[in-house]
N, C-alpha and C. Protein backbone atom coordinates (compact mmCIF):
# COMPACT_ATOMS: atom_id res chain seq x y z
N MET A 1 67.22 -89.57 -38.36
CA MET A 1 66.89 -88.24 -37.87
C MET A 1 68.18 -87.56 -37.41
N THR A 2 68.36 -86.34 -37.79
CA THR A 2 69.55 -85.59 -37.40
C THR A 2 69.18 -84.55 -36.36
N THR A 3 70.13 -84.29 -35.49
CA THR A 3 69.91 -83.25 -34.49
C THR A 3 70.51 -81.95 -34.99
N PRO A 4 69.98 -80.79 -34.59
CA PRO A 4 70.45 -79.52 -35.11
C PRO A 4 71.80 -79.08 -34.58
N SER A 5 72.31 -79.75 -33.59
CA SER A 5 73.60 -79.33 -33.02
C SER A 5 74.38 -80.56 -32.57
N ASP A 6 75.64 -80.33 -32.29
CA ASP A 6 76.48 -81.39 -31.75
C ASP A 6 75.96 -81.73 -30.36
N PRO A 7 75.80 -83.00 -30.02
CA PRO A 7 75.11 -83.36 -28.79
C PRO A 7 75.87 -83.07 -27.49
N GLY A 8 77.15 -82.67 -27.55
CA GLY A 8 77.80 -82.55 -26.27
C GLY A 8 78.85 -81.49 -26.12
N LEU A 9 79.31 -80.88 -27.18
CA LEU A 9 80.46 -80.00 -27.05
C LEU A 9 80.18 -78.74 -26.24
N GLN A 10 79.18 -77.95 -26.63
CA GLN A 10 78.91 -76.72 -25.89
C GLN A 10 78.45 -76.99 -24.46
N PRO A 11 77.49 -77.89 -24.23
CA PRO A 11 77.11 -78.17 -22.84
C PRO A 11 78.28 -78.70 -22.01
N GLU A 12 79.16 -79.48 -22.63
CA GLU A 12 80.31 -80.00 -21.88
C GLU A 12 81.27 -78.88 -21.51
N ARG A 13 81.52 -77.94 -22.41
CA ARG A 13 82.39 -76.81 -22.09
C ARG A 13 81.78 -75.97 -20.96
N THR A 14 80.48 -75.79 -21.02
CA THR A 14 79.81 -75.03 -19.96
C THR A 14 79.91 -75.75 -18.63
N GLU A 15 79.74 -77.06 -18.66
CA GLU A 15 79.85 -77.84 -17.42
C GLU A 15 81.28 -77.78 -16.86
N LEU A 16 82.27 -77.78 -17.75
CA LEU A 16 83.65 -77.66 -17.29
C LEU A 16 83.91 -76.28 -16.67
N ALA A 17 83.29 -75.25 -17.20
CA ALA A 17 83.42 -73.92 -16.60
C ALA A 17 82.80 -73.88 -15.21
N TRP A 18 81.63 -74.52 -15.05
CA TRP A 18 81.02 -74.60 -13.72
C TRP A 18 81.92 -75.39 -12.77
N ARG A 19 82.54 -76.44 -13.28
CA ARG A 19 83.43 -77.26 -12.45
C ARG A 19 84.64 -76.44 -11.99
N ARG A 20 85.23 -75.65 -12.90
CA ARG A 20 86.37 -74.80 -12.51
C ARG A 20 85.94 -73.77 -11.47
N THR A 21 84.75 -73.20 -11.64
CA THR A 21 84.25 -72.23 -10.67
C THR A 21 84.05 -72.88 -9.30
N ALA A 22 83.48 -74.08 -9.29
CA ALA A 22 83.28 -74.80 -8.03
C ALA A 22 84.62 -75.13 -7.37
N LEU A 23 85.61 -75.52 -8.17
CA LEU A 23 86.93 -75.81 -7.61
C LEU A 23 87.57 -74.56 -7.03
N ALA A 24 87.42 -73.42 -7.70
CA ALA A 24 87.98 -72.17 -7.19
C ALA A 24 87.31 -71.77 -5.87
N ILE A 25 86.00 -71.90 -5.80
CA ILE A 25 85.29 -71.58 -4.56
C ILE A 25 85.69 -72.55 -3.46
N GLY A 26 85.82 -73.82 -3.79
CA GLY A 26 86.25 -74.82 -2.80
C GLY A 26 87.65 -74.53 -2.28
N LEU A 27 88.56 -74.16 -3.17
CA LEU A 27 89.92 -73.84 -2.74
C LEU A 27 89.93 -72.59 -1.86
N GLY A 28 89.17 -71.57 -2.26
CA GLY A 28 89.07 -70.37 -1.43
C GLY A 28 88.49 -70.67 -0.06
N SER A 29 87.54 -71.59 -0.02
CA SER A 29 86.94 -71.98 1.27
C SER A 29 87.95 -72.72 2.14
N LEU A 30 88.76 -73.57 1.53
CA LEU A 30 89.80 -74.27 2.29
C LEU A 30 90.84 -73.29 2.84
N VAL A 31 91.19 -72.29 2.05
CA VAL A 31 92.11 -71.26 2.54
C VAL A 31 91.47 -70.50 3.69
N THR A 32 90.18 -70.21 3.57
CA THR A 32 89.46 -69.54 4.66
C THR A 32 89.49 -70.39 5.92
N LEU A 33 89.25 -71.69 5.77
CA LEU A 33 89.29 -72.58 6.94
C LEU A 33 90.67 -72.62 7.58
N ARG A 34 91.69 -72.51 6.77
CA ARG A 34 93.06 -72.63 7.28
C ARG A 34 93.57 -71.33 7.91
N LEU A 35 93.29 -70.19 7.28
CA LEU A 35 93.95 -68.95 7.68
C LEU A 35 93.12 -68.03 8.57
N LEU A 36 91.85 -67.86 8.28
CA LEU A 36 91.08 -66.84 9.00
C LEU A 36 90.87 -67.14 10.48
N PRO A 37 90.53 -68.38 10.89
CA PRO A 37 90.38 -68.59 12.33
C PRO A 37 91.68 -68.32 13.11
N ALA A 38 92.82 -68.69 12.53
CA ALA A 38 94.09 -68.45 13.22
C ALA A 38 94.45 -66.96 13.22
N ALA A 39 94.18 -66.27 12.13
CA ALA A 39 94.56 -64.86 12.02
C ALA A 39 93.62 -63.95 12.79
N LEU A 40 92.33 -64.23 12.77
CA LEU A 40 91.36 -63.34 13.40
C LEU A 40 90.88 -63.83 14.75
N GLY A 41 91.23 -65.06 15.10
CA GLY A 41 90.91 -65.57 16.42
C GLY A 41 89.44 -65.77 16.70
N ASN A 42 88.66 -66.07 15.70
CA ASN A 42 87.24 -66.25 15.89
C ASN A 42 86.81 -67.54 15.20
N ALA A 43 86.11 -68.39 15.93
CA ALA A 43 85.71 -69.69 15.38
C ALA A 43 84.58 -69.57 14.36
N TRP A 44 83.94 -68.40 14.25
CA TRP A 44 82.87 -68.24 13.27
C TRP A 44 83.38 -68.36 11.84
N TRP A 45 84.66 -68.11 11.63
CA TRP A 45 85.22 -68.20 10.28
C TRP A 45 85.22 -69.64 9.78
N VAL A 46 85.20 -70.59 10.70
CA VAL A 46 85.10 -71.99 10.29
C VAL A 46 83.76 -72.23 9.60
N LEU A 47 82.70 -71.63 10.12
CA LEU A 47 81.39 -71.76 9.49
C LEU A 47 81.37 -71.13 8.10
N VAL A 48 82.07 -70.01 7.94
CA VAL A 48 82.15 -69.37 6.62
C VAL A 48 82.85 -70.29 5.63
N GLY A 49 83.93 -70.90 6.05
CA GLY A 49 84.64 -71.83 5.18
C GLY A 49 83.83 -73.06 4.84
N LEU A 50 83.13 -73.60 5.81
CA LEU A 50 82.29 -74.78 5.56
C LEU A 50 81.12 -74.44 4.64
N LEU A 51 80.55 -73.26 4.81
CA LEU A 51 79.47 -72.83 3.93
C LEU A 51 79.98 -72.71 2.48
N GLY A 52 81.17 -72.19 2.32
CA GLY A 52 81.77 -72.09 0.99
C GLY A 52 81.99 -73.45 0.37
N LEU A 53 82.44 -74.41 1.16
CA LEU A 53 82.62 -75.78 0.64
C LEU A 53 81.29 -76.38 0.23
N LEU A 54 80.27 -76.14 1.02
CA LEU A 54 78.93 -76.64 0.68
C LEU A 54 78.42 -76.02 -0.62
N ILE A 55 78.65 -74.75 -0.80
CA ILE A 55 78.23 -74.07 -2.03
C ILE A 55 79.03 -74.60 -3.22
N ALA A 56 80.31 -74.87 -3.03
CA ALA A 56 81.13 -75.43 -4.11
C ALA A 56 80.59 -76.79 -4.56
N VAL A 57 80.24 -77.63 -3.62
CA VAL A 57 79.67 -78.94 -3.97
C VAL A 57 78.33 -78.76 -4.69
N GLY A 58 77.52 -77.83 -4.22
CA GLY A 58 76.24 -77.56 -4.87
C GLY A 58 76.41 -77.07 -6.30
N LEU A 59 77.39 -76.21 -6.53
CA LEU A 59 77.65 -75.74 -7.89
C LEU A 59 78.14 -76.86 -8.80
N TRP A 60 78.97 -77.72 -8.27
CA TRP A 60 79.45 -78.87 -9.05
C TRP A 60 78.27 -79.72 -9.51
N ILE A 61 77.38 -80.02 -8.57
CA ILE A 61 76.21 -80.85 -8.89
C ILE A 61 75.28 -80.12 -9.85
N ALA A 62 75.05 -78.82 -9.63
CA ALA A 62 74.16 -78.05 -10.50
C ALA A 62 74.71 -77.97 -11.93
N GLY A 63 76.02 -77.80 -12.06
CA GLY A 63 76.62 -77.76 -13.40
C GLY A 63 76.47 -79.07 -14.13
N ARG A 64 76.67 -80.16 -13.43
CA ARG A 64 76.52 -81.48 -14.05
C ARG A 64 75.06 -81.74 -14.44
N ARG A 65 74.14 -81.39 -13.55
CA ARG A 65 72.72 -81.60 -13.83
C ARG A 65 72.28 -80.75 -15.02
N ARG A 66 72.76 -79.51 -15.08
CA ARG A 66 72.38 -78.64 -16.19
C ARG A 66 72.89 -79.20 -17.52
N MET A 67 74.11 -79.72 -17.54
CA MET A 67 74.64 -80.30 -18.77
C MET A 67 73.76 -81.46 -19.23
N GLN A 68 73.34 -82.30 -18.30
CA GLN A 68 72.49 -83.43 -18.66
C GLN A 68 71.14 -82.95 -19.18
N GLN A 69 70.58 -81.90 -18.58
CA GLN A 69 69.30 -81.36 -19.03
C GLN A 69 69.41 -80.77 -20.44
N VAL A 70 70.49 -80.03 -20.69
CA VAL A 70 70.69 -79.43 -22.01
C VAL A 70 70.87 -80.53 -23.06
N ASN A 71 71.65 -81.55 -22.75
CA ASN A 71 71.84 -82.65 -23.70
C ASN A 71 70.52 -83.36 -23.98
N THR A 72 69.69 -83.51 -22.96
CA THR A 72 68.39 -84.16 -23.15
C THR A 72 67.51 -83.32 -24.08
N VAL A 73 67.46 -82.02 -23.86
CA VAL A 73 66.64 -81.14 -24.70
C VAL A 73 67.14 -81.16 -26.13
N LEU A 74 68.44 -81.06 -26.34
CA LEU A 74 68.98 -81.04 -27.69
C LEU A 74 68.79 -82.37 -28.40
N ALA A 75 68.90 -83.47 -27.68
CA ALA A 75 68.73 -84.78 -28.30
C ALA A 75 67.26 -85.06 -28.61
N ARG A 76 66.37 -84.55 -27.78
CA ARG A 76 64.95 -84.83 -27.95
C ARG A 76 64.38 -84.10 -29.16
N ASP A 77 64.49 -82.76 -29.14
CA ASP A 77 63.86 -82.04 -30.24
C ASP A 77 64.65 -80.82 -30.70
N GLY A 78 65.75 -80.54 -30.07
CA GLY A 78 66.58 -79.42 -30.51
C GLY A 78 65.97 -78.05 -30.26
N ASP A 79 64.91 -77.98 -29.49
CA ASP A 79 64.26 -76.69 -29.22
C ASP A 79 65.06 -75.94 -28.16
N ARG A 80 65.78 -74.93 -28.59
CA ARG A 80 66.63 -74.18 -27.67
C ARG A 80 65.81 -73.26 -26.76
N GLY A 81 64.54 -73.08 -27.03
CA GLY A 81 63.70 -72.24 -26.19
C GLY A 81 63.32 -72.91 -24.88
N ARG A 82 63.57 -74.20 -24.76
CA ARG A 82 63.20 -74.94 -23.55
C ARG A 82 64.41 -75.29 -22.68
N MET A 83 65.45 -74.52 -22.79
CA MET A 83 66.65 -74.78 -22.01
C MET A 83 66.39 -74.53 -20.52
N PRO A 84 67.17 -75.17 -19.64
CA PRO A 84 67.00 -74.95 -18.20
C PRO A 84 67.23 -73.48 -17.83
N GLY A 85 66.66 -73.09 -16.71
CA GLY A 85 66.76 -71.70 -16.25
C GLY A 85 68.14 -71.34 -15.74
N ALA A 86 68.26 -70.10 -15.31
CA ALA A 86 69.53 -69.56 -14.87
C ALA A 86 69.62 -69.46 -13.35
N GLY A 87 68.93 -70.33 -12.64
CA GLY A 87 68.96 -70.31 -11.17
C GLY A 87 70.35 -70.46 -10.58
N PRO A 88 71.16 -71.44 -11.04
CA PRO A 88 72.51 -71.56 -10.50
C PRO A 88 73.37 -70.33 -10.75
N LEU A 89 73.19 -69.69 -11.90
CA LEU A 89 73.95 -68.49 -12.20
C LEU A 89 73.56 -67.35 -11.25
N ALA A 90 72.29 -67.20 -10.96
CA ALA A 90 71.84 -66.18 -10.01
C ALA A 90 72.38 -66.47 -8.61
N ALA A 91 72.35 -67.74 -8.20
CA ALA A 91 72.88 -68.11 -6.89
C ALA A 91 74.37 -67.83 -6.81
N LEU A 92 75.10 -68.12 -7.87
CA LEU A 92 76.54 -67.84 -7.89
C LEU A 92 76.79 -66.34 -7.79
N GLY A 93 76.00 -65.54 -8.49
CA GLY A 93 76.16 -64.09 -8.42
C GLY A 93 75.92 -63.55 -7.02
N LEU A 94 74.89 -64.05 -6.35
CA LEU A 94 74.63 -63.62 -4.97
C LEU A 94 75.74 -64.05 -4.03
N PHE A 95 76.26 -65.26 -4.23
CA PHE A 95 77.36 -65.73 -3.39
C PHE A 95 78.60 -64.87 -3.57
N VAL A 96 78.94 -64.55 -4.81
CA VAL A 96 80.12 -63.72 -5.08
C VAL A 96 79.92 -62.32 -4.49
N LEU A 97 78.73 -61.77 -4.61
CA LEU A 97 78.45 -60.45 -4.04
C LEU A 97 78.59 -60.48 -2.52
N ALA A 98 78.03 -61.49 -1.88
CA ALA A 98 78.13 -61.60 -0.41
C ALA A 98 79.57 -61.83 0.03
N THR A 99 80.29 -62.65 -0.70
CA THR A 99 81.69 -62.92 -0.35
C THR A 99 82.54 -61.67 -0.50
N GLY A 100 82.30 -60.91 -1.57
CA GLY A 100 83.03 -59.67 -1.77
C GLY A 100 82.74 -58.67 -0.67
N ALA A 101 81.49 -58.56 -0.27
CA ALA A 101 81.12 -57.64 0.81
C ALA A 101 81.77 -58.07 2.13
N LEU A 102 81.78 -59.37 2.40
CA LEU A 102 82.40 -59.86 3.63
C LEU A 102 83.91 -59.62 3.62
N ALA A 103 84.54 -59.88 2.48
CA ALA A 103 85.99 -59.65 2.38
C ALA A 103 86.32 -58.17 2.56
N THR A 104 85.52 -57.29 1.97
CA THR A 104 85.74 -55.87 2.14
C THR A 104 85.59 -55.44 3.59
N ALA A 105 84.59 -55.98 4.27
CA ALA A 105 84.38 -55.65 5.68
C ALA A 105 85.55 -56.14 6.53
N VAL A 106 86.05 -57.34 6.22
CA VAL A 106 87.19 -57.86 6.99
C VAL A 106 88.42 -56.97 6.80
N VAL A 107 88.68 -56.56 5.57
CA VAL A 107 89.84 -55.74 5.29
C VAL A 107 89.71 -54.37 5.95
N LEU A 108 88.54 -53.78 5.90
CA LEU A 108 88.36 -52.43 6.45
C LEU A 108 88.29 -52.41 7.97
N LEU A 109 87.74 -53.45 8.56
CA LEU A 109 87.54 -53.45 10.01
C LEU A 109 88.66 -54.08 10.81
N VAL A 110 89.50 -54.85 10.17
CA VAL A 110 90.57 -55.54 10.92
C VAL A 110 91.89 -54.90 10.66
């Protein structure tokens, strides 16, 4: 029995893109932890940095899980209509929107 697509190339590239995104968010969160509390003098920025690290870990796990789900669907029957949903993508979009709004507020108010 042959499968209609290569079992790992596209899902693996997508998972690597999620991994790069998680690493970028994690690095930005570490910079937030290092610079904002000292520059703005408020300990609440530590919570912002820790929340960013938590989201980065969640994205890493979600990307890996999605790759495994896609590989399972493609190996089972190749039905591309049953692919996993776009929940992690929506969550990432909301996070980026909230982060952008917070950064804009910090720049304008400080």
